[in-house]
Amino acid sequence: MSAYTATVTVRLKRGVLDPEAETTKHALERLGFELEALRSTDRFELDLEATNADAAAERAEEMAERLLANPTIHDYDVEVAERE
């Protein structure tokens, strides 16, 4: 077994209302920043043991599907890195 850190980034699907991002976008615009769009995300870092990176990614994807994300309204990405 090796030690891995899986990073799961969860974001709302395009078209789903994101009030936190809209509020932040308007605040940035009031400060003089120009931008087309802004989306908020949640990022989870999972330290886990697995036989290889693929197994770690599979476990992180299962966690995302079962708890970290709602597949109806969220998209998510999983990245895995070996810990030293």
PDB file of N, CA and C in Angstrom:
ATOM      1  N   MET A   1       0.846  -1.188   0.000  1.00  0.00           N
ATOM      2  CA  MET A   1       0.000   0.000   0.000  1.00  0.00           C
ATOM      3  C   MET A   1       0.884   1.242   0.000  1.00  0.00           C
ATOM      4  N   SER A   2       0.414   2.242  -0.717  1.00  0.00           N
ATOM      5  CA  SER A   2       1.111   3.527  -0.782  1.00  0.00           C
ATOM      6  C   SER A   2       0.179   4.631  -0.300  1.00  0.00           C
ATOM      7  N   ALA A   3       0.775   5.740   0.058  1.00  0.00           N
ATOM      8  CA  ALA A   3       0.006   6.884   0.550  1.00  0.00           C
ATOM      9  C   ALA A   3      -0.263   7.846  -0.601  1.00  0.00           C
ATOM     10  N   TYR A   4      -1.517   8.261  -0.732  1.00  0.00           N
ATOM     11  CA  TYR A   4      -1.930   9.174  -1.792  1.00  0.00           C
ATOM     12  C   TYR A   4      -2.766  10.305  -1.211  1.00  0.00           C
ATOM     13  N   THR A   5      -2.767  11.421  -1.913  1.00  0.00           N
ATOM     14  CA  THR A   5      -3.711  12.498  -1.635  1.00  0.00           C
ATOM     15  C   THR A   5      -4.575  12.651  -2.872  1.00  0.00           C
ATOM     16  N   ALA A   6      -5.864  12.467  -2.691  1.00  0.00           N
ATOM     17  CA  ALA A   6      -6.828  12.659  -3.775  1.00  0.00           C
ATOM     18  C   ALA A   6      -7.503  14.004  -3.549  1.00  0.00           C
ATOM     19  N   THR A   7      -7.514  14.819  -4.576  1.00  0.00           N
ATOM     20  CA  THR A   7      -8.182  16.116  -4.507  1.00  0.00           C
ATOM     21  C   THR A   7      -9.452  16.041  -5.331  1.00  0.00           C
ATOM     22  N   VAL A   8     -10.582  16.296  -4.675  1.00  0.00           N
ATOM     23  CA  VAL A   8     -11.880  16.287  -5.343  1.00  0.00           C
ATOM     24  C   VAL A   8     -12.377  17.726  -5.394  1.00  0.00           C
ATOM     25  N   THR A   9     -12.578  18.236  -6.599  1.00  0.00           N
ATOM     26  CA  THR A   9     -13.102  19.588  -6.788  1.00  0.00           C
ATOM     27  C   THR A   9     -14.539  19.471  -7.273  1.00  0.00           C
ATOM     28  N   VAL A  10     -15.460  20.057  -6.512  1.00  0.00           N
ATOM     29  CA  VAL A  10     -16.891  19.968  -6.797  1.00  0.00           C
ATOM     30  C   VAL A  10     -17.395  21.346  -7.188  1.00  0.00           C
ATOM     31  N   ARG A  11     -18.134  21.408  -8.299  1.00  0.00           N
ATOM     32  CA  ARG A  11     -18.705  22.684  -8.741  1.00  0.00           C
ATOM     33  C   ARG A  11     -20.123  22.441  -9.251  1.00  0.00           C
ATOM     34  N   LEU A  12     -20.919  23.494  -9.190  1.00  0.00           N
ATOM     35  CA  LEU A  12     -22.269  23.396  -9.731  1.00  0.00           C
ATOM     36  C   LEU A  12     -22.205  23.275 -11.246  1.00  0.00           C
ATOM     37  N   LYS A  13     -23.115  22.511 -11.816  1.00  0.00           N
ATOM     38  CA  LYS A  13     -23.194  22.395 -13.267  1.00  0.00           C
ATOM     39  C   LYS A  13     -23.593  23.738 -13.857  1.00  0.00           C
ATOM     40  N   ARG A  14     -23.177  23.982 -15.091  1.00  0.00           N
ATOM     41  CA  ARG A  14     -23.573  25.217 -15.772  1.00  0.00           C
ATOM     42  C   ARG A  14     -25.092  25.279 -15.831  1.00  0.00           C
ATOM     43  N   GLY A  15     -25.621  26.452 -15.573  1.00  0.00           N
ATOM     44  CA  GLY A  15     -27.066  26.644 -15.591  1.00  0.00           C
ATOM     45  C   GLY A  15     -27.714  26.519 -14.225  1.00  0.00           C
ATOM     46  N   VAL A  16     -27.000  25.968 -13.238  1.00  0.00           N
ATOM     47  CA  VAL A  16     -27.528  25.871 -11.872  1.00  0.00           C
ATOM     48  C   VAL A  16     -27.182  27.167 -11.153  1.00  0.00           C
ATOM     49  N   LEU A  17     -28.173  27.773 -10.517  1.00  0.00           N
ATOM     50  CA  LEU A  17     -27.994  29.039  -9.814  1.00  0.00           C
ATOM     51  C   LEU A  17     -26.899  28.915  -8.757  1.00  0.00           C
ATOM     52  N   ASP A  18     -25.955  29.859  -8.767  1.00  0.00           N
ATOM     53  CA  ASP A  18     -24.834  29.881  -7.826  1.00  0.00           C
ATOM     54  C   ASP A  18     -24.818  31.240  -7.128  1.00  0.00           C
ATOM     55  N   PRO A  19     -25.669  31.433  -6.105  1.00  0.00           N
ATOM     56  CA  PRO A  19     -25.784  32.738  -5.465  1.00  0.00           C
ATOM     57  C   PRO A  19     -24.483  33.228  -4.826  1.00  0.00           C
ATOM     58  N   GLU A  20     -23.673  32.326  -4.278  1.00  0.00           N
ATOM     59  CA  GLU A  20     -22.399  32.729  -3.677  1.00  0.00           C
ATOM     60  C   GLU A  20     -21.480  33.340  -4.740  1.00  0.00           C
ATOM     61  N   ALA A  21     -21.406  32.696  -5.883  1.00  0.00           N
ATOM     62  CA  ALA A  21     -20.554  33.200  -6.961  1.00  0.00           C
ATOM     63  C   ALA A  21     -21.087  34.523  -7.508  1.00  0.00           C
ATOM     64  N   GLU A  22     -22.383  34.649  -7.639  1.00  0.00           N
ATOM     65  CA  GLU A  22     -22.966  35.896  -8.152  1.00  0.00           C
ATOM     66  C   GLU A  22     -22.675  37.063  -7.210  1.00  0.00           C
ATOM     67  N   THR A  23     -22.825  36.837  -5.914  1.00  0.00           N
ATOM     68  CA  THR A  23     -22.537  37.878  -4.934  1.00  0.00           C
ATOM     69  C   THR A  23     -21.068  38.290  -5.003  1.00  0.00           C
ATOM     70  N   THR A  24     -20.177  37.316  -5.089  1.00  0.00           N
ATOM     71  CA  THR A  24     -18.746  37.601  -5.166  1.00  0.00           C
ATOM     72  C   THR A  24     -18.397  38.316  -6.464  1.00  0.00           C
ATOM     73  N   LYS A  25     -19.000  37.895  -7.564  1.00  0.00           N
ATOM     74  CA  LYS A  25     -18.759  38.531  -8.859  1.00  0.00           C
ATOM     75  C   LYS A  25     -19.150  40.006  -8.814  1.00  0.00           C
ATOM     76  N   HIS A  26     -20.322  40.292  -8.263  1.00  0.00           N
ATOM     77  CA  HIS A  26     -20.768  41.691  -8.169  1.00  0.00           C
ATOM     78  C   HIS A  26     -19.830  42.508  -7.279  1.00  0.00           C
ATOM     79  N   ALA A  27     -19.364  41.917  -6.189  1.00  0.00           N
ATOM     80  CA  ALA A  27     -18.437  42.625  -5.294  1.00  0.00           C
ATOM     81  C   ALA A  27     -17.123  42.916  -6.016  1.00  0.00           C
ATOM     82  N   LEU A  28     -16.616  41.965  -6.785  1.00  0.00           N
ATOM     83  CA  LEU A  28     -15.382  42.187  -7.548  1.00  0.00           C
ATOM     84  C   LEU A  28     -15.576  43.291  -8.588  1.00  0.00           C
ATOM     85  N   GLU A  29     -16.730  43.297  -9.234  1.00  0.00           N
ATOM     86  CA  GLU A  29     -17.008  44.331 -10.234  1.00  0.00           C
ATOM     87  C   GLU A  29     -17.080  45.711  -9.579  1.00  0.00           C
ATOM     88  N   ARG A  30     -17.649  45.789  -8.372  1.00  0.00           N
ATOM     89  CA  ARG A  30     -17.692  47.073  -7.656  1.00  0.00           C
ATOM     90  C   ARG A  30     -16.292  47.553  -7.294  1.00  0.00           C
ATOM     91  N   LEU A  31     -15.363  46.618  -7.157  1.00  0.00           N
ATOM     92  CA  LEU A  31     -13.973  46.971  -6.861  1.00  0.00           C
ATOM     93  C   LEU A  31     -13.179  47.298  -8.127  1.00  0.00           C
ATOM     94  N   GLY A  32     -13.832  47.241  -9.270  1.00  0.00           N
ATOM     95  CA  GLY A  32     -13.186  47.612 -10.521  1.00  0.00           C
ATOM     96  C   GLY A  32     -12.649  46.460 -11.351  1.00  0.00           C
ATOM     97  N   PHE A  33     -12.894  45.224 -10.931  1.00  0.00           N
ATOM     98  CA  PHE A  33     -12.427  44.068 -11.693  1.00  0.00           C
ATOM     99  C   PHE A  33     -13.478  43.682 -12.725  1.00  0.00           C
ATOM    100  N   GLU A  34     -13.035  43.449 -13.950  1.00  0.00           N
ATOM    101  CA  GLU A  34     -13.945  43.014 -15.009  1.00  0.00           C
ATOM    102  C   GLU A  34     -13.793  41.515 -15.209  1.00  0.00           C
ATOM    103  N   LEU A  35     -14.920  40.814 -15.248  1.00  0.00           N
ATOM    104  CA  LEU A  35     -14.886  39.392 -15.537  1.00  0.00           C
ATOM    105  C   LEU A  35     -16.196  38.968 -16.166  1.00  0.00           C
ATOM    106  N   GLU A  36     -16.126  37.928 -16.987  1.00  0.00           N
ATOM    107  CA  GLU A  36     -17.326  37.430 -17.656  1.00  0.00           C
ATOM    108  C   GLU A  36     -18.175  36.583 -16.718  1.00  0.00           C
ATOM    109  N   ALA A  37     -17.534  35.712 -15.964  1.00  0.00           N
ATOM    110  CA  ALA A  37     -18.280  34.803 -15.098  1.00  0.00           C
ATOM    111  C   ALA A  37     -17.395  34.384 -13.932  1.00  0.00           C
ATOM    112  N   LEU A  38     -18.025  33.899 -12.899  1.00  0.00           N
ATOM    113  CA  LEU A  38     -17.319  33.390 -11.734  1.00  0.00           C
ATOM    114  C   LEU A  38     -18.129  32.213 -11.209  1.00  0.00           C
ATOM    115  N   ARG A  39     -17.469  31.128 -10.854  1.00  0.00           N
ATOM    116  CA  ARG A  39     -18.131  29.966 -10.280  1.00  0.00           C
ATOM    117  C   ARG A  39     -17.439  29.616  -8.964  1.00  0.00           C
ATOM    118  N   SER A  40     -18.218  29.231  -7.991  1.00  0.00           N
ATOM    119  CA  SER A  40     -17.633  28.788  -6.726  1.00  0.00           C
ATOM    120  C   SER A  40     -17.424  27.274  -6.785  1.00  0.00           C
ATOM    121  N   THR A  41     -16.438  26.809  -6.040  1.00  0.00           N
ATOM    122  CA  THR A  41     -16.162  25.372  -5.973  1.00  0.00           C
ATOM    123  C   THR A  41     -15.882  24.984  -4.532  1.00  0.00           C
ATOM    124  N   ASP A  42     -16.027  23.715  -4.265  1.00  0.00           N
ATOM    125  CA  ASP A  42     -15.581  23.124  -3.003  1.00  0.00           C
ATOM    126  C   ASP A  42     -14.441  22.188  -3.353  1.00  0.00           C
ATOM    127  N   ARG A  43     -13.413  22.204  -2.534  1.00  0.00           N
ATOM    128  CA  ARG A  43     -12.252  21.343  -2.772  1.00  0.00           C
ATOM    129  C   ARG A  43     -12.009  20.502  -1.530  1.00  0.00           C
ATOM    130  N   PHE A  44     -11.932  19.197  -1.739  1.00  0.00           N
ATOM    131  CA  PHE A  44     -11.692  18.255  -0.650  1.00  0.00           C
ATOM    132  C   PHE A  44     -10.373  17.548  -0.917  1.00  0.00           C
ATOM    133  N   GLU A  45      -9.504  17.490   0.091  1.00  0.00           N
ATOM    134  CA  GLU A  45      -8.253  16.748  -0.016  1.00  0.00           C
ATOM    135  C   GLU A  45      -8.350  15.524   0.890  1.00  0.00           C
ATOM    136  N   LEU A  46      -8.235  14.364   0.273  1.00  0.00           N
ATOM    137  CA  LEU A  46      -8.404  13.104   0.976  1.00  0.00           C
ATOM    138  C   LEU A  46      -7.064  12.381   1.044  1.00  0.00           C
ATOM    139  N   ASP A  47      -6.535  12.164   2.232  1.00  0.00           N
ATOM    140  CA  ASP A  47      -5.320  11.376   2.393  1.00  0.00           C
ATOM    141  C   ASP A  47      -5.755   9.934   2.617  1.00  0.00           C
ATOM    142  N   LEU A  48      -5.249   9.034   1.764  1.00  0.00           N
ATOM    143  CA  LEU A  48      -5.662   7.643   1.876  1.00  0.00           C
ATOM    144  C   LEU A  48      -4.562   6.696   1.430  1.00  0.00           C
ATOM    145  N   GLU A  49      -4.705   5.451   1.811  1.00  0.00           N
ATOM    146  CA  GLU A  49      -3.790   4.384   1.419  1.00  0.00           C
ATOM    147  C   GLU A  49      -4.472   3.576   0.323  1.00  0.00           C
ATOM    148  N   ALA A  50      -3.702   3.211  -0.704  1.00  0.00           N
ATOM    149  CA  ALA A  50      -4.245   2.393  -1.782  1.00  0.00           C
ATOM    150  C   ALA A  50      -3.113   1.629  -2.444  1.00  0.00           C
ATOM    151  N   THR A  51      -3.465   0.600  -3.186  1.00  0.00           N
ATOM    152  CA  THR A  51      -2.447  -0.221  -3.849  1.00  0.00           C
ATOM    153  C   THR A  51      -1.769   0.527  -4.984  1.00  0.00           C
ATOM    154  N   ASN A  52      -2.506   1.455  -5.634  1.00  0.00           N
ATOM    155  CA  ASN A  52      -1.924   2.266  -6.714  1.00  0.00           C
ATOM    156  C   ASN A  52      -2.786   3.509  -6.922  1.00  0.00           C
ATOM    157  N   ALA A  53      -2.337   4.398  -7.811  1.00  0.00           N
ATOM    158  CA  ALA A  53      -3.037   5.670  -8.032  1.00  0.00           C
ATOM    159  C   ALA A  53      -4.441   5.449  -8.590  1.00  0.00           C
ATOM    160  N   ASP A  54      -4.591   4.453  -9.456  1.00  0.00           N
ATOM    161  CA  ASP A  54      -5.922   4.176 -10.017  1.00  0.00           C
ATOM    162  C   ASP A  54      -6.907   3.750  -8.936  1.00  0.00           C
ATOM    163  N   ALA A  55      -6.441   2.927  -8.003  1.00  0.00           N
ATOM    164  CA  ALA A  55      -7.309   2.484  -6.900  1.00  0.00           C
ATOM    165  C   ALA A  55      -7.665   3.669  -5.999  1.00  0.00           C
ATOM    166  N   ALA A  56      -6.709   4.559  -5.760  1.00  0.00           N
ATOM    167  CA  ALA A  56      -6.985   5.750  -4.952  1.00  0.00           C
ATOM    168  C   ALA A  56      -8.019   6.634  -5.652  1.00  0.00           C
ATOM    169  N   ALA A  57      -7.874   6.817  -6.958  1.00  0.00           N
ATOM    170  CA  ALA A  57      -8.832   7.627  -7.719  1.00  0.00           C
ATOM    171  C   ALA A  57     -10.219   6.997  -7.695  1.00  0.00           C
ATOM    172  N   GLU A  58     -10.274   5.683  -7.814  1.00  0.00           N
ATOM    173  CA  GLU A  58     -11.563   4.991  -7.782  1.00  0.00           C
ATOM    174  C   GLU A  58     -12.267   5.193  -6.447  1.00  0.00           C
ATOM    175  N   ARG A  59     -11.521   5.087  -5.352  1.00  0.00           N
ATOM    176  CA  ARG A  59     -12.114   5.303  -4.020  1.00  0.00           C
ATOM    177  C   ARG A  59     -12.584   6.744  -3.864  1.00  0.00           C
ATOM    178  N   ALA A  60     -11.788   7.707  -4.337  1.00  0.00           N
ATOM    179  CA  ALA A  60     -12.170   9.120  -4.230  1.00  0.00           C
ATOM    180  C   ALA A  60     -13.411   9.401  -5.072  1.00  0.00           C
ATOM    181  N   GLU A  61     -13.507   8.786  -6.249  1.00  0.00           N
ATOM    182  CA  GLU A  61     -14.701   8.973  -7.091  1.00  0.00           C
ATOM    183  C   GLU A  61     -15.931   8.400  -6.408  1.00  0.00           C
ATOM    184  N   GLU A  62     -15.785   7.262  -5.753  1.00  0.00           N
ATOM    185  CA  GLU A  62     -16.918   6.687  -5.026  1.00  0.00           C
ATOM    186  C   GLU A  62     -17.359   7.615  -3.891  1.00  0.00           C
ATOM    187  N   MET A  63     -16.394   8.201  -3.180  1.00  0.00           N
ATOM    188  CA  MET A  63     -16.727   9.152  -2.108  1.00  0.00           C
ATOM    189  C   MET A  63     -17.459  10.360  -2.678  1.00  0.00           C
ATOM    190  N   ALA A  64     -16.990  10.841  -3.824  1.00  0.00           N
ATOM    191  CA  ALA A  64     -17.642  11.994  -4.459  1.00  0.00           C
ATOM    192  C   ALA A  64     -19.074  11.647  -4.853  1.00  0.00           C
ATOM    193  N   GLU A  65     -19.264  10.496  -5.462  1.00  0.00           N
ATOM    194  CA  GLU A  65     -20.601  10.078  -5.905  1.00  0.00           C
ATOM    195  C   GLU A  65     -21.558   9.865  -4.736  1.00  0.00           C
ATOM    196  N   ARG A  66     -21.033   9.324  -3.638  1.00  0.00           N
ATOM    197  CA  ARG A  66     -21.903   8.958  -2.521  1.00  0.00           C
ATOM    198  C   ARG A  66     -22.152  10.081  -1.531  1.00  0.00           C
ATOM    199  N   LEU A  67     -21.221  11.063  -1.435  1.00  0.00           N
ATOM    200  CA  LEU A  67     -21.402  12.084  -0.406  1.00  0.00           C
ATOM    201  C   LEU A  67     -20.941  13.482  -0.811  1.00  0.00           C
ATOM    202  N   LEU A  68     -19.776  13.609  -1.405  1.00  0.00           N
ATOM    203  CA  LEU A  68     -19.185  14.930  -1.609  1.00  0.00           C
ATOM    204  C   LEU A  68     -19.895  15.754  -2.673  1.00  0.00           C
ATOM    205  N   ALA A  69     -20.507  15.096  -3.652  1.00  0.00           N
ATOM    206  CA  ALA A  69     -21.194  15.804  -4.732  1.00  0.00           C
ATOM    207  C   ALA A  69     -22.588  15.221  -4.919  1.00  0.00           C
ATOM    208  N   ASN A  70     -23.478  16.061  -5.395  1.00  0.00           N
ATOM    209  CA  ASN A  70     -24.805  15.599  -5.798  1.00  0.00           C
ATOM    210  C   ASN A  70     -24.780  15.553  -7.325  1.00  0.00           C
ATOM    211  N   PRO A  71     -24.697  14.364  -7.925  1.00  0.00           N
ATOM    212  CA  PRO A  71     -24.543  14.266  -9.379  1.00  0.00           C
ATOM    213  C   PRO A  71     -25.651  14.953 -10.180  1.00  0.00           C
ATOM    214  N   THR A  72     -26.777  15.230  -9.564  1.00  0.00           N
ATOM    215  CA  THR A  72     -27.852  15.923 -10.255  1.00  0.00           C
ATOM    216  C   THR A  72     -27.491  17.374 -10.543  1.00  0.00           C
ATOM    217  N   ILE A  73     -26.791  18.027  -9.607  1.00  0.00           N
ATOM    218  CA  ILE A  73     -26.485  19.457  -9.770  1.00  0.00           C
ATOM    219  C   ILE A  73     -24.999  19.778  -9.810  1.00  0.00           C
ATOM    220  N   HIS A  74     -24.145  18.793  -9.500  1.00  0.00           N
ATOM    221  CA  HIS A  74     -22.702  19.040  -9.436  1.00  0.00           C
ATOM    222  C   HIS A  74     -21.926  18.251 -10.494  1.00  0.00           C
ATOM    223  N   ASP A  75     -20.840  18.844 -10.939  1.00  0.00           N
ATOM    224  CA  ASP A  75     -19.774  18.144 -11.651  1.00  0.00           C
ATOM    225  C   ASP A  75     -18.609  18.067 -10.682  1.00  0.00           C
ATOM    226  N   TYR A  76     -17.728  17.098 -10.880  1.00  0.00           N
ATOM    227  CA  TYR A  76     -16.547  17.034 -10.022  1.00  0.00           C
ATOM    228  C   TYR A  76     -15.374  16.455 -10.800  1.00  0.00           C
ATOM    229  N   ASP A  77     -14.177  16.797 -10.337  1.00  0.00           N
ATOM    230  CA  ASP A  77     -12.931  16.269 -10.882  1.00  0.00           C
ATOM    231  C   ASP A  77     -12.152  15.640  -9.742  1.00  0.00           C
ATOM    232  N   VAL A  78     -11.415  14.590 -10.062  1.00  0.00           N
ATOM    233  CA  VAL A  78     -10.566  13.922  -9.077  1.00  0.00           C
ATOM    234  C   VAL A  78      -9.136  13.912  -9.608  1.00  0.00           C
ATOM    235  N   GLU A  79      -8.202  14.354  -8.783  1.00  0.00           N
ATOM    236  CA  GLU A  79      -6.769  14.289  -9.093  1.00  0.00           C
ATOM    237  C   GLU A  79      -6.085  13.550  -7.961  1.00  0.00           C
ATOM    238  N   VAL A  80      -5.134  12.716  -8.303  1.00  0.00           N
ATOM    239  CA  VAL A  80      -4.441  11.915  -7.296  1.00  0.00           C
ATOM    240  C   VAL A  80      -2.934  12.141  -7.407  1.00  0.00           C
ATOM    241  N   ALA A  81      -2.304  12.314  -6.250  1.00  0.00           N
ATOM    242  CA  ALA A  81      -0.853  12.459  -6.198  1.00  0.00           C
ATOM    243  C   ALA A  81      -0.330  11.554  -5.083  1.00  0.00           C
ATOM    244  N   GLU A  82       0.814  10.952  -5.336  1.00  0.00           N
ATOM    245  CA  GLU A  82       1.425  10.104  -4.307  1.00  0.00           C
ATOM    246  C   GLU A  82       2.077  10.991  -3.255  1.00  0.00           C
ATOM    247  N   ARG A  83       1.872  10.636  -1.993  1.00  0.00           N
ATOM    248  CA  ARG A  83       2.499  11.364  -0.891  1.00  0.00           C
ATOM    249  C   ARG A  83       3.837  10.730  -0.578  1.00  0.00           C
ATOM    250  N   GLU A  84       4.758  11.537  -0.126  1.00  0.00           N
ATOM    251  CA  GLU A  84       6.079  11.017   0.236  1.00  0.00           C
ATOM    252  C   GLU A  84       6.178  10.801   1.713  1.00  0.00           C
TER     253      GLU A  84
END
